Amino acid sequence: MLKSIDLFAGIGGIRLGFEQVFDEKLRTVFVSEWDKNAQRTYKANFVDNFDITGDITKISEDDIPDFDICLAGFPCQAFSLAGQRKGFKDDYKGMSRGTLFFDVARICEKKKPKVIFCENVKGLTIHDKGRTFNIIKNTFREIGYTPFEHILNSKDFGVPQNRERIYIVAFRNDIAPAEFVFPIPTDSSKRIKDILEGPVPAKYYLSECYLQTLRNHKARHAAKGHGFGYEIRDWDDVAGAIVCGGMGRERNLIIDTRQTDLTPTTHIKGEINKEGVRKMTPREWARLQGFPDDFKLTLADVHLYKQFGNSVTVPVIEAIARKVKEVLDHVDGQ
């Protein structure tokens, strides 16, 4: 039996991927997530005999149970190309999101797990001309680990989403392989049509007024030579990376004429557009991230969009977890 901890857990996407591979041989013994709404979604889908811990910066490493695998999707906003990219200088609500990585390091330095798994935005590798990423890798080395990293795209692992992320797997030096081979693409065939729900409620269709606002916004940027603005995706295309805010939903609009009752059910200006333009539903976003359909969505849509935009692509995590298991099985078999 291996034990794991889930840091910056979000809604549990990394845990889900690892559990699908390790099954009954992996038991989660500690979870940390400071966002209350993410906690609610997490608790709806995972049953533990302990409560979720909030702010990890206030938790002593001595108060965390021993574990073998550290799962840590440490916050990416500080390194994202979409953000201001302040890295370790980023300050958010009095908390430096960039330095939250060092909480992973201090906990693992004390507990010495076999493996540390991290996921982050691709921009982490080039932030501050690569210095930030070098600090992260050197920190792993300083606490006794051998880090391996690779950029993978979700669209190559059975989901129709163009989402590049950096994945880091660090093995404790005494069990580290000479080389760690990340998974190769398994399925690049999926398209948006493969994840769509049936006719969806009218509330997901844009009002004509709002659609016109998006058209105007895009036209203003086009006049300046920019490519910003809404985007309508073809059913035979792949989605752009879903993100938690801003134009996240508007960059992945589709045309869906299957719903014939477009009577407004929410307060909107004017009528629903006649072209069938709608945003994807939270369940469709869940599918873009490879979450199974039995994953419970109990919160309001606004929270779910944020949570799935912030989450990970489960099949990618699963593919990497399978490679991690191969290494651990080899070590245990020696």
C-alpha atoms as a PDB file:
ATOM      1  CA  MET A   1       0.000   0.000   0.000  1.00  0.00           C
ATOM      2  CA  LEU A   2       1.361   3.377  -1.050  1.00  0.00           C
ATOM      3  CA  LYS A   3       0.238   6.600   0.601  1.00  0.00           C
ATOM      4  CA  SER A   4      -0.195   9.906  -1.176  1.00  0.00           C
ATOM      5  CA  ILE A   5      -0.926  13.522  -0.334  1.00  0.00           C
ATOM      6  CA  ASP A   6      -2.840  15.893  -2.602  1.00  0.00           C
ATOM      7  CA  LEU A   7      -1.526  19.472  -2.340  1.00  0.00           C
ATOM      8  CA  PHE A   8      -3.281  22.404  -4.064  1.00  0.00           C
ATOM      9  CA  ALA A   9      -5.780  19.688  -4.832  1.00  0.00           C
ATOM     10  CA  GLY A  10      -8.381  21.729  -6.712  1.00  0.00           C
ATOM     11  CA  ILE A  11     -11.197  19.307  -7.477  1.00  0.00           C
ATOM     12  CA  GLY A  12      -8.965  16.237  -7.390  1.00  0.00           C
ATOM     13  CA  GLY A  13      -7.997  15.736 -11.023  1.00  0.00           C
ATOM     14  CA  ILE A  14      -4.431  14.619 -10.300  1.00  0.00           C
ATOM     15  CA  ARG A  15      -5.605  12.259  -7.566  1.00  0.00           C
ATOM     16  CA  LEU A  16      -8.215  10.819  -9.936  1.00  0.00           C
ATOM     17  CA  GLY A  17      -5.598  10.062 -12.577  1.00  0.00           C
ATOM     18  CA  PHE A  18      -3.272   8.352 -10.122  1.00  0.00           C
ATOM     19  CA  GLU A  19      -6.074   6.355  -8.480  1.00  0.00           C
ATOM     20  CA  GLN A  20      -7.191   5.028 -11.855  1.00  0.00           C
ATOM     21  CA  VAL A  21      -3.715   3.519 -12.264  1.00  0.00           C
ATOM     22  CA  PHE A  22      -2.760   2.466  -8.724  1.00  0.00           C
ATOM     23  CA  ASP A  23      -6.327   1.518  -7.736  1.00  0.00           C
ATOM     24  CA  GLU A  24      -6.473  -0.064  -4.263  1.00  0.00           C
ATOM     25  CA  LYS A  25      -2.689   0.138  -3.871  1.00  0.00           C
ATOM     26  CA  LEU A  26      -2.814   3.900  -3.280  1.00  0.00           C
ATOM     27  CA  ARG A  27      -4.428   5.622  -0.312  1.00  0.00           C
ATOM     28  CA  THR A  28      -4.703   9.389   0.105  1.00  0.00           C
ATOM     29  CA  VAL A  29      -3.791  10.442   3.650  1.00  0.00           C
ATOM     30  CA  PHE A  30      -3.789  14.259   3.399  1.00  0.00           C
ATOM     31  CA  VAL A  31      -5.487  16.863   1.197  1.00  0.00           C
ATOM     32  CA  SER A  32      -4.892  20.613   1.043  1.00  0.00           C
ATOM     33  CA  GLU A  33      -7.015  23.096  -0.913  1.00  0.00           C
ATOM     34  CA  TRP A  34      -7.787  26.616   0.246  1.00  0.00           C
ATOM     35  CA  ASP A  35     -10.686  27.439  -2.131  1.00  0.00           C
ATOM     36  CA  LYS A  36     -13.950  26.620  -0.336  1.00  0.00           C
ATOM     37  CA  ASN A  37     -15.944  25.926  -3.489  1.00  0.00           C
ATOM     38  CA  ALA A  38     -13.269  23.593  -4.840  1.00  0.00           C
ATOM     39  CA  GLN A  39     -13.392  21.819  -1.476  1.00  0.00           C
ATOM     40  CA  ARG A  40     -17.129  21.294  -1.921  1.00  0.00           C
ATOM     41  CA  THR A  41     -16.705  19.673  -5.338  1.00  0.00           C
ATOM     42  CA  TYR A  42     -13.807  17.580  -3.999  1.00  0.00           C
ATOM     43  CA  LYS A  43     -15.839  16.310  -1.044  1.00  0.00           C
ATOM     44  CA  ALA A  44     -18.747  15.428  -3.341  1.00  0.00           C
ATOM     45  CA  ASN A  45     -16.463  13.091  -5.274  1.00  0.00           C
ATOM     46  CA  PHE A  46     -13.952  11.711  -2.769  1.00  0.00           C
ATOM     47  CA  VAL A  47     -14.726  10.177   0.605  1.00  0.00           C
ATOM     48  CA  ASP A  48     -11.923  10.483   3.170  1.00  0.00           C
ATOM     49  CA  ASN A  49     -11.820   9.942   6.904  1.00  0.00           C
ATOM     50  CA  PHE A  50     -10.151  13.325   7.447  1.00  0.00           C
ATOM     51  CA  ASP A  51     -11.031  16.894   6.582  1.00  0.00           C
ATOM     52  CA  ILE A  52      -9.477  18.970   3.824  1.00  0.00           C
ATOM     53  CA  THR A  53      -6.807  21.349   5.106  1.00  0.00           C
ATOM     54  CA  GLY A  54      -6.908  24.946   3.918  1.00  0.00           C
ATOM     55  CA  ASP A  55      -3.872  27.207   3.619  1.00  0.00           C
ATOM     56  CA  ILE A  56      -0.822  24.934   3.306  1.00  0.00           C
ATOM     57  CA  THR A  57       1.525  27.768   4.302  1.00  0.00           C
ATOM     58  CA  LYS A  58       0.103  27.572   7.810  1.00  0.00           C
ATOM     59  CA  ILE A  59       0.549  23.787   8.144  1.00  0.00           C
ATOM     60  CA  SER A  60       3.705  22.399   9.705  1.00  0.00           C
ATOM     61  CA  GLU A  61       5.303  19.512   7.849  1.00  0.00           C
ATOM     62  CA  ASP A  62       5.335  17.695  11.202  1.00  0.00           C
ATOM     63  CA  ASP A  63       1.526  17.646  11.173  1.00  0.00           C
ATOM     64  CA  ILE A  64       1.326  15.836   7.821  1.00  0.00           C
ATOM     65  CA  PRO A  65       1.229  12.005   7.864  1.00  0.00           C
ATOM     66  CA  ASP A  66       4.077  10.097   6.211  1.00  0.00           C
ATOM     67  CA  PHE A  67       3.509   9.446   2.515  1.00  0.00           C
ATOM     68  CA  ASP A  68       5.140   7.903  -0.564  1.00  0.00           C
ATOM     69  CA  ILE A  69       3.811  10.077  -3.372  1.00  0.00           C
ATOM     70  CA  CYS A  70       3.316  13.841  -3.348  1.00  0.00           C
ATOM     71  CA  LEU A  71       0.783  15.152  -5.864  1.00  0.00           C
ATOM     72  CA  ALA A  72       1.097  18.902  -6.283  1.00  0.00           C
ATOM     73  CA  GLY A  73      -0.574  20.995  -8.942  1.00  0.00           C
ATOM     74  CA  PHE A  74       0.862  24.143  -7.370  1.00  0.00           C
ATOM     75  CA  PRO A  75      -0.859  27.336  -8.552  1.00  0.00           C
ATOM     76  CA  CYS A  76       0.056  28.304 -12.077  1.00  0.00           C
ATOM     77  CA  GLN A  77      -1.261  31.872 -12.204  1.00  0.00           C
ATOM     78  CA  ALA A  78       2.117  33.294 -11.247  1.00  0.00           C
ATOM     79  CA  PHE A  79       3.775  31.671 -14.255  1.00  0.00           C
ATOM     80  CA  SER A  80       1.005  31.720 -16.857  1.00  0.00           C
ATOM     81  CA  LEU A  81       1.511  33.487 -20.176  1.00  0.00           C
ATOM     82  CA  ALA A  82      -2.029  34.810 -19.723  1.00  0.00           C
ATOM     83  CA  GLY A  83      -1.138  36.496 -16.443  1.00  0.00           C
ATOM     84  CA  GLN A  84       1.445  39.107 -15.526  1.00  0.00           C
ATOM     85  CA  ARG A  85       4.063  36.385 -15.113  1.00  0.00           C
ATOM     86  CA  LYS A  86       5.586  37.723 -11.917  1.00  0.00           C
ATOM     87  CA  GLY A  87       6.725  34.284 -10.868  1.00  0.00           C
ATOM     88  CA  PHE A  88       8.163  34.133  -7.382  1.00  0.00           C
ATOM     89  CA  LYS A  89       7.376  37.844  -6.902  1.00  0.00           C
ATOM     90  CA  ASP A  90       3.657  37.378  -7.453  1.00  0.00           C
ATOM     91  CA  ASP A  91       1.493  38.510  -4.563  1.00  0.00           C
ATOM     92  CA  TYR A  92      -2.159  37.559  -4.335  1.00  0.00           C
ATOM     93  CA  LYS A  93      -4.367  38.385  -1.345  1.00  0.00           C
ATOM     94  CA  GLY A  94      -1.252  38.686   0.779  1.00  0.00           C
ATOM     95  CA  MET A  95      -0.012  35.284  -0.390  1.00  0.00           C
ATOM     96  CA  SER A  96       2.738  34.703  -2.897  1.00  0.00           C
ATOM     97  CA  ARG A  97       1.412  32.084  -5.268  1.00  0.00           C
ATOM     98  CA  GLY A  98       4.809  31.689  -6.897  1.00  0.00           C
ATOM     99  CA  THR A  99       6.485  30.712  -3.662  1.00  0.00           C
ATOM    100  CA  LEU A 100       3.854  28.099  -2.847  1.00  0.00           C
ATOM    101  CA  PHE A 101       6.163  25.728  -4.677  1.00  0.00           C
ATOM    102  CA  PHE A 102       8.535  25.997  -1.750  1.00  0.00           C
ATOM    103  CA  ASP A 103       5.856  24.577   0.532  1.00  0.00           C
ATOM    104  CA  VAL A 104       5.988  21.451  -1.612  1.00  0.00           C
ATOM    105  CA  ALA A 105       9.767  21.426  -1.154  1.00  0.00           C
ATOM    106  CA  ARG A 106       9.766  21.918   2.625  1.00  0.00           C
ATOM    107  CA  ILE A 107       7.176  19.179   3.152  1.00  0.00           C
ATOM    108  CA  CYS A 108       8.970  16.707   0.893  1.00  0.00           C
ATOM    109  CA  GLU A 109      12.379  17.520   2.367  1.00  0.00           C
ATOM    110  CA  LYS A 110      11.017  16.520   5.765  1.00  0.00           C
ATOM    111  CA  LYS A 111       8.964  13.488   4.700  1.00  0.00           C
ATOM    112  CA  LYS A 112      11.180  12.098   1.925  1.00  0.00           C
ATOM    113  CA  PRO A 113       8.489  10.505  -0.272  1.00  0.00           C
ATOM    114  CA  LYS A 114       9.512   8.262  -3.161  1.00  0.00           C
ATOM    115  CA  VAL A 115       8.000  10.502  -5.840  1.00  0.00           C
ATOM    116  CA  ILE A 116       6.951  14.127  -6.269  1.00  0.00           C
ATOM    117  CA  PHE A 117       4.582  14.876  -9.142  1.00  0.00           C
ATOM    118  CA  CYS A 118       3.899  18.455 -10.276  1.00  0.00           C
ATOM    119  CA  GLU A 119       1.883  20.011 -13.090  1.00  0.00           C
ATOM    120  CA  ASN A 120       2.019  23.597 -14.292  1.00  0.00           C
ATOM    121  CA  VAL A 121       1.594  25.863 -17.292  1.00  0.00           C
ATOM    122  CA  LYS A 122       4.001  25.599 -20.193  1.00  0.00           C
ATOM    123  CA  GLY A 123       5.079  29.192 -19.521  1.00  0.00           C
ATOM    124  CA  LEU A 124       6.804  28.068 -16.350  1.00  0.00           C
ATOM    125  CA  THR A 125       9.706  26.763 -18.456  1.00  0.00           C
ATOM    126  CA  ILE A 126      10.485  30.157 -20.022  1.00  0.00           C
ATOM    127  CA  HIS A 127       9.542  32.469 -17.167  1.00  0.00           C
ATOM    128  CA  ASP A 128      12.327  34.913 -16.291  1.00  0.00           C
ATOM    129  CA  LYS A 129      14.430  33.498 -19.147  1.00  0.00           C
ATOM    130  CA  GLY A 130      14.298  30.025 -17.636  1.00  0.00           C
ATOM    131  CA  ARG A 131      15.648  31.047 -14.234  1.00  0.00           C
ATOM    132  CA  THR A 132      12.408  30.267 -12.384  1.00  0.00           C
ATOM    133  CA  PHE A 133      12.293  26.729 -13.744  1.00  0.00           C
ATOM    134  CA  ASN A 134      15.958  26.198 -12.935  1.00  0.00           C
ATOM    135  CA  ILE A 135      15.303  27.276  -9.350  1.00  0.00           C
ATOM    136  CA  ILE A 136      12.527  24.699  -9.130  1.00  0.00           C
ATOM    137  CA  LYS A 137      14.661  21.872 -10.538  1.00  0.00           C
ATOM    138  CA  ASN A 138      17.657  22.827  -8.394  1.00  0.00           C
ATOM    139  CA  THR A 139      15.438  22.901  -5.322  1.00  0.00           C
ATOM    140  CA  PHE A 140      14.416  19.315  -6.034  1.00  0.00           C
ATOM    141  CA  ARG A 141      18.065  18.349  -6.363  1.00  0.00           C
ATOM    142  CA  GLU A 142      18.979  20.112  -3.121  1.00  0.00           C
ATOM    143  CA  ILE A 143      16.424  18.109  -1.140  1.00  0.00           C
ATOM    144  CA  GLY A 144      17.579  14.800  -2.634  1.00  0.00           C
ATOM    145  CA  TYR A 145      15.529  14.248  -5.780  1.00  0.00           C
ATOM    146  CA  THR A 146      16.166  13.706  -9.470  1.00  0.00           C
ATOM    147  CA  PRO A 147      13.674  15.700 -11.537  1.00  0.00           C
ATOM    148  CA  PHE A 148      12.435  14.849 -15.022  1.00  0.00           C
ATOM    149  CA  GLU A 149      10.164  17.134 -17.012  1.00  0.00           C
ATOM    150  CA  HIS A 150       8.218  17.087 -20.256  1.00  0.00           C
ATOM    151  CA  ILE A 151       5.574  19.152 -22.036  1.00  0.00           C
ATOM    152  CA  LEU A 152       2.516  17.180 -23.123  1.00  0.00           C
ATOM    153  CA  ASN A 153      -0.598  18.265 -25.014  1.00  0.00           C
ATOM    154  CA  SER A 154      -4.011  17.077 -23.831  1.00  0.00           C
ATOM    155  CA  LYS A 155      -5.246  16.664 -27.424  1.00  0.00           C
ATOM    156  CA  ASP A 156      -2.858  13.716 -27.794  1.00  0.00           C
ATOM    157  CA  PHE A 157      -4.449  11.769 -24.941  1.00  0.00           C
ATOM    158  CA  GLY A 158      -8.050  11.183 -25.897  1.00  0.00           C
ATOM    159  CA  VAL A 159      -9.623  14.593 -25.301  1.00  0.00           C
ATOM    160  CA  PRO A 160     -10.277  17.299 -27.919  1.00  0.00           C
ATOM    161  CA  GLN A 161      -8.515  20.150 -26.120  1.00  0.00           C
ATOM    162  CA  ASN A 162      -5.345  21.916 -27.256  1.00  0.00           C
ATOM    163  CA  ARG A 163      -3.748  22.268 -23.819  1.00  0.00           C
ATOM    164  CA  GLU A 164       0.007  22.165 -23.353  1.00  0.00           C
ATOM    165  CA  ARG A 165       1.294  21.740 -19.806  1.00  0.00           C
ATOM    166  CA  ILE A 166       4.633  21.017 -18.173  1.00  0.00           C
ATOM    167  CA  TYR A 167       4.790  17.876 -16.042  1.00  0.00           C
ATOM    168  CA  ILE A 168       7.545  17.252 -13.518  1.00  0.00           C
ATOM    169  CA  VAL A 169       8.270  13.869 -11.955  1.00  0.00           C
ATOM    170  CA  ALA A 170      10.982  13.874  -9.284  1.00  0.00           C
ATOM    171  CA  PHE A 171      12.211  10.562  -7.836  1.00  0.00           C
ATOM    172  CA  ARG A 172      14.102  10.284  -4.568  1.00  0.00           C
ATOM    173  CA  ASN A 173      17.763   9.804  -5.496  1.00  0.00           C
ATOM    174  CA  ASP A 174      18.086   6.309  -4.045  1.00  0.00           C
ATOM    175  CA  ILE A 175      15.360   4.953  -6.347  1.00  0.00           C
ATOM    176  CA  ALA A 176      15.660   7.364  -9.282  1.00  0.00           C
ATOM    177  CA  PRO A 177      15.997   5.710 -12.692  1.00  0.00           C
ATOM    178  CA  ALA A 178      18.800   6.814 -15.009  1.00  0.00           C
ATOM    179  CA  GLU A 179      16.078   7.922 -17.398  1.00  0.00           C
ATOM    180  CA  PHE A 180      12.350   8.486 -17.063  1.00  0.00           C
ATOM    181  CA  VAL A 181      10.409   8.207 -20.308  1.00  0.00           C
ATOM    182  CA  PHE A 182       7.187  10.185 -20.404  1.00  0.00           C
ATOM    183  CA  PRO A 183       4.202   8.675 -22.215  1.00  0.00           C
ATOM    184  CA  ILE A 184       3.867   9.025 -25.957  1.00  0.00           C
ATOM    185  CA  PRO A 185       0.548  10.186 -27.487  1.00  0.00           C
ATOM    186  CA  THR A 186      -2.187   7.595 -27.163  1.00  0.00           C
ATOM    187  CA  ASP A 187      -5.174   9.057 -29.041  1.00  0.00           C
ATOM    188  CA  SER A 188      -5.254  12.235 -31.134  1.00  0.00           C
ATOM    189  CA  SER A 189      -8.521  11.413 -32.884  1.00  0.00           C
ATOM    190  CA  LYS A 190     -11.082  13.032 -30.565  1.00  0.00           C
ATOM    191  CA  ARG A 191     -13.013  16.094 -31.691  1.00  0.00           C
ATOM    192  CA  ILE A 192     -15.486  18.479 -30.061  1.00  0.00           C
ATOM    193  CA  LYS A 193     -18.419  16.461 -31.412  1.00  0.00           C
ATOM    194  CA  ASP A 194     -17.252  13.538 -29.255  1.00  0.00           C
ATOM    195  CA  ILE A 195     -17.802  15.412 -25.969  1.00  0.00           C
ATOM    196  CA  LEU A 196     -21.045  17.290 -26.665  1.00  0.00           C
ATOM    197  CA  GLU A 197     -24.153  16.718 -24.606  1.00  0.00           C
ATOM    198  CA  GLY A 198     -27.554  16.315 -26.228  1.00  0.00           C
ATOM    199  CA  PRO A 199     -29.785  19.376 -26.738  1.00  0.00           C
ATOM    200  CA  VAL A 200     -28.832  21.665 -23.856  1.00  0.00           C
ATOM    201  CA  PRO A 201     -31.026  24.227 -22.035  1.00  0.00           C
ATOM    202  CA  ALA A 202     -31.585  27.661 -23.546  1.00  0.00           C
ATOM    203  CA  LYS A 203     -29.518  29.302 -20.786  1.00  0.00           C
ATOM    204  CA  TYR A 204     -26.318  28.206 -22.534  1.00  0.00           C
ATOM    205  CA  TYR A 205     -27.192  30.131 -25.692  1.00  0.00           C
ATOM    206  CA  LEU A 206     -25.900  33.684 -26.035  1.00  0.00           C
ATOM    207  CA  SER A 207     -28.284  36.597 -26.260  1.00  0.00           C
ATOM    208  CA  GLU A 208     -28.177  38.540 -29.507  1.00  0.00           C
ATOM    209  CA  CYS A 209     -27.134  41.594 -27.500  1.00  0.00           C
ATOM    210  CA  TYR A 210     -24.184  39.832 -25.887  1.00  0.00           C
ATOM    211  CA  LEU A 211     -23.124  38.209 -29.152  1.00  0.00           C
ATOM    212  CA  GLN A 212     -23.074  41.647 -30.770  1.00  0.00           C
ATOM    213  CA  THR A 213     -20.898  42.918 -27.904  1.00  0.00           C
ATOM    214  CA  LEU A 214     -18.451  40.097 -28.637  1.00  0.00           C
ATOM    215  CA  ARG A 215     -18.486  40.932 -32.350  1.00  0.00           C
ATOM    216  CA  ASN A 216     -17.725  44.582 -31.587  1.00  0.00           C
ATOM    217  CA  HIS A 217     -14.937  43.645 -29.193  1.00  0.00           C
ATOM    218  CA  LYS A 218     -13.309  41.374 -31.774  1.00  0.00           C
ATOM    219  CA  ALA A 219     -13.659  44.000 -34.509  1.00  0.00           C
ATOM    220  CA  ARG A 220     -11.935  46.628 -32.358  1.00  0.00           C
ATOM    221  CA  HIS A 221      -8.981  44.346 -31.774  1.00  0.00           C
ATOM    222  CA  ALA A 222      -8.872  43.231 -35.410  1.00  0.00           C
ATOM    223  CA  ALA A 223      -8.615  46.882 -36.435  1.00  0.00           C
ATOM    224  CA  LYS A 224      -5.498  47.126 -34.253  1.00  0.00           C
ATOM    225  CA  GLY A 225      -4.050  43.987 -35.782  1.00  0.00           C
ATOM    226  CA  HIS A 226      -4.761  41.820 -32.741  1.00  0.00           C
ATOM    227  CA  GLY A 227      -6.318  38.368 -32.786  1.00  0.00           C
ATOM    228  CA  PHE A 228      -8.235  38.755 -29.542  1.00  0.00           C
ATOM    229  CA  GLY A 229     -11.907  37.987 -29.239  1.00  0.00           C
ATOM    230  CA  TYR A 230     -14.492  35.267 -29.262  1.00  0.00           C
ATOM    231  CA  GLU A 231     -14.058  32.152 -31.337  1.00  0.00           C
ATOM    232  CA  ILE A 232     -16.604  29.691 -32.698  1.00  0.00           C
ATOM    233  CA  ARG A 233     -15.207  26.176 -32.930  1.00  0.00           C
ATOM    234  CA  ASP A 234     -16.232  23.657 -35.542  1.00  0.00           C
ATOM    235  CA  TRP A 235     -17.565  20.350 -34.217  1.00  0.00           C
ATOM    236  CA  ASP A 236     -14.782  18.590 -36.118  1.00  0.00           C
ATOM    237  CA  ASP A 237     -12.131  20.786 -34.485  1.00  0.00           C
ATOM    238  CA  VAL A 238     -10.449  20.600 -31.096  1.00  0.00           C
ATOM    239  CA  ALA A 239     -11.174  23.147 -28.389  1.00  0.00           C
ATOM    240  CA  GLY A 240      -8.718  25.769 -27.287  1.00  0.00           C
ATOM    241  CA  ALA A 241      -7.364  25.483 -23.758  1.00  0.00           C
ATOM    242  CA  ILE A 242     -10.135  26.142 -21.282  1.00  0.00           C
ATOM    243  CA  VAL A 243      -9.211  28.681 -18.627  1.00  0.00           C
ATOM    244  CA  CYS A 244     -10.889  29.819 -15.463  1.00  0.00           C
ATOM    245  CA  GLY A 245     -11.865  33.388 -16.345  1.00  0.00           C
ATOM    246  CA  GLY A 246     -11.993  36.175 -18.886  1.00  0.00           C
ATOM    247  CA  MET A 247     -12.652  34.929 -22.393  1.00  0.00           C
ATOM    248  CA  GLY A 248     -12.450  31.282 -21.295  1.00  0.00           C
ATOM    249  CA  ARG A 249     -15.946  30.375 -22.388  1.00  0.00           C
ATOM    250  CA  GLU A 250     -16.136  32.775 -25.328  1.00  0.00           C
ATOM    251  CA  ARG A 251     -13.016  31.283 -26.940  1.00  0.00           C
ATOM    252  CA  ASN A 252     -14.790  27.944 -27.241  1.00  0.00           C
ATOM    253  CA  LEU A 253     -18.237  28.761 -28.551  1.00  0.00           C
ATOM    254  CA  ILE A 254     -20.035  26.359 -30.859  1.00  0.00           C
ATOM    255  CA  ILE A 255     -23.046  26.495 -33.162  1.00  0.00           C
ATOM    256  CA  ASP A 256     -25.697  24.036 -32.029  1.00  0.00           C
ATOM    257  CA  THR A 257     -29.135  24.173 -33.613  1.00  0.00           C
ATOM    258  CA  ARG A 258     -30.547  21.078 -31.889  1.00  0.00           C
ATOM    259  CA  GLN A 259     -32.384  23.050 -29.185  1.00  0.00           C
ATOM    260  CA  THR A 260     -35.647  24.340 -30.657  1.00  0.00           C
ATOM    261  CA  ASP A 261     -37.040  26.035 -27.548  1.00  0.00           C
ATOM    262  CA  LEU A 262     -34.933  29.158 -27.155  1.00  0.00           C
ATOM    263  CA  THR A 263     -37.246  30.925 -24.735  1.00  0.00           C
ATOM    264  CA  PRO A 264     -34.981  32.820 -22.297  1.00  0.00           C
ATOM    265  CA  THR A 265     -34.932  31.238 -18.844  1.00  0.00           C
ATOM    266  CA  THR A 266     -32.493  33.746 -17.344  1.00  0.00           C
ATOM    267  CA  HIS A 267     -32.417  37.543 -17.286  1.00  0.00           C
ATOM    268  CA  ILE A 268     -30.860  38.611 -20.576  1.00  0.00           C
ATOM    269  CA  LYS A 269     -30.975  41.692 -22.750  1.00  0.00           C
ATOM    270  CA  GLY A 270     -33.061  41.037 -25.831  1.00  0.00           C
ATOM    271  CA  GLU A 271     -33.565  37.652 -27.449  1.00  0.00           C
ATOM    272  CA  ILE A 272     -31.400  34.569 -27.762  1.00  0.00           C
ATOM    273  CA  ASN A 273     -29.380  34.659 -30.978  1.00  0.00           C
ATOM    274  CA  LYS A 274     -30.907  32.946 -34.011  1.00  0.00           C
ATOM    275  CA  GLU A 275     -27.627  31.388 -35.190  1.00  0.00           C
ATOM    276  CA  GLY A 276     -27.489  28.738 -32.480  1.00  0.00           C
ATOM    277  CA  VAL A 277     -24.311  30.122 -30.883  1.00  0.00           C
ATOM    278  CA  ARG A 278     -23.817  28.740 -27.400  1.00  0.00           C
ATOM    279  CA  LYS A 279     -21.119  28.219 -24.830  1.00  0.00           C
ATOM    280  CA  MET A 280     -20.176  24.730 -23.782  1.00  0.00           C
ATOM    281  CA  THR A 281     -21.723  23.352 -20.607  1.00  0.00           C
ATOM    282  CA  PRO A 282     -19.793  22.504 -17.426  1.00  0.00           C
ATOM    283  CA  ARG A 283     -20.222  18.813 -18.225  1.00  0.00           C
ATOM    284  CA  GLU A 284     -18.694  19.373 -21.644  1.00  0.00           C
ATOM    285  CA  TRP A 285     -15.785  21.169 -19.987  1.00  0.00           C
ATOM    286  CA  ALA A 286     -15.451  18.219 -17.616  1.00  0.00           C
ATOM    287  CA  ARG A 287     -15.229  15.939 -20.649  1.00  0.00           C
ATOM    288  CA  LEU A 288     -12.637  18.231 -22.254  1.00  0.00           C
ATOM    289  CA  GLN A 289     -10.548  17.558 -19.159  1.00  0.00           C
ATOM    290  CA  GLY A 290     -11.226  13.829 -19.305  1.00  0.00           C
ATOM    291  CA  PHE A 291     -13.332  13.606 -16.148  1.00  0.00           C
ATOM    292  CA  PRO A 292     -15.744  10.664 -16.161  1.00  0.00           C
ATOM    293  CA  ASP A 293     -19.458  11.353 -16.466  1.00  0.00           C
ATOM    294  CA  ASP A 294     -20.060  10.027 -12.953  1.00  0.00           C
ATOM    295  CA  PHE A 295     -17.968  12.872 -11.548  1.00  0.00           C
ATOM    296  CA  LYS A 296     -20.520  14.866  -9.562  1.00  0.00           C
ATOM    297  CA  LEU A 297     -21.135  18.506 -10.506  1.00  0.00           C
ATOM    298  CA  THR A 298     -23.033  19.875  -7.526  1.00  0.00           C
ATOM    299  CA  LEU A 299     -22.200  23.593  -7.641  1.00  0.00           C
ATOM    300  CA  ALA A 300     -23.466  26.489  -9.731  1.00  0.00           C
ATOM    301  CA  ASP A 301     -22.079  26.766 -13.261  1.00  0.00           C
ATOM    302  CA  VAL A 302     -19.946  29.826 -12.470  1.00  0.00           C
ATOM    303  CA  HIS A 303     -17.939  27.806  -9.949  1.00  0.00           C
ATOM    304  CA  LEU A 304     -17.695  24.744 -12.190  1.00  0.00           C
ATOM    305  CA  TYR A 305     -16.276  26.697 -15.142  1.00  0.00           C
ATOM    306  CA  LYS A 306     -13.591  28.111 -12.874  1.00  0.00           C
ATOM    307  CA  GLN A 307     -12.803  24.726 -11.365  1.00  0.00           C
ATOM    308  CA  PHE A 308     -12.455  22.829 -14.639  1.00  0.00           C
ATOM    309  CA  GLY A 309     -10.496  25.676 -16.211  1.00  0.00           C
ATOM    310  CA  ASN A 310      -8.081  25.455 -13.276  1.00  0.00           C
ATOM    311  CA  SER A 311      -7.972  21.661 -13.250  1.00  0.00           C
ATOM    312  CA  VAL A 312      -5.859  19.087 -15.066  1.00  0.00           C
ATOM    313  CA  THR A 313      -6.519  16.700 -17.931  1.00  0.00           C
ATOM    314  CA  VAL A 314      -7.100  13.381 -16.199  1.00  0.00           C
ATOM    315  CA  PRO A 315      -6.036  11.031 -19.056  1.00  0.00           C
ATOM    316  CA  VAL A 316      -2.647  12.799 -19.270  1.00  0.00           C
ATOM    317  CA  ILE A 317      -2.156  12.370 -15.512  1.00  0.00           C
ATOM    318  CA  GLU A 318      -3.194   8.731 -15.853  1.00  0.00           C
ATOM    319  CA  ALA A 319      -0.665   8.103 -18.635  1.00  0.00           C
ATOM    320  CA  ILE A 320       2.167   9.604 -16.574  1.00  0.00           C
ATOM    321  CA  ALA A 321       1.032   7.767 -13.430  1.00  0.00           C
ATOM    322  CA  ARG A 322       1.306   4.505 -15.345  1.00  0.00           C
ATOM    323  CA  LYS A 323       4.957   5.307 -16.128  1.00  0.00           C
ATOM    324  CA  VAL A 324       5.586   6.241 -12.478  1.00  0.00           C
ATOM    325  CA  LYS A 325       4.079   2.926 -11.382  1.00  0.00           C
ATOM    326  CA  GLU A 326       6.427   1.043 -13.709  1.00  0.00           C
ATOM    327  CA  VAL A 327       9.423   2.612 -11.951  1.00  0.00           C
ATOM    328  CA  LEU A 328       8.053   1.919  -8.473  1.00  0.00           C
ATOM    329  CA  ASP A 329       7.138  -1.650  -9.383  1.00  0.00           C
ATOM    330  CA  HIS A 330      10.682  -2.196 -10.650  1.00  0.00           C
ATOM    331  CA  VAL A 331      12.130  -0.799  -7.418  1.00  0.00           C
ATOM    332  CA  ASP A 332       9.862  -2.991  -5.286  1.00  0.00           C
ATOM    333  CA  GLY A 333      10.695  -6.014  -7.413  1.00  0.00           C
ATOM    334  CA  GLN A 334      14.442  -5.725  -6.846  1.00  0.00           C
END
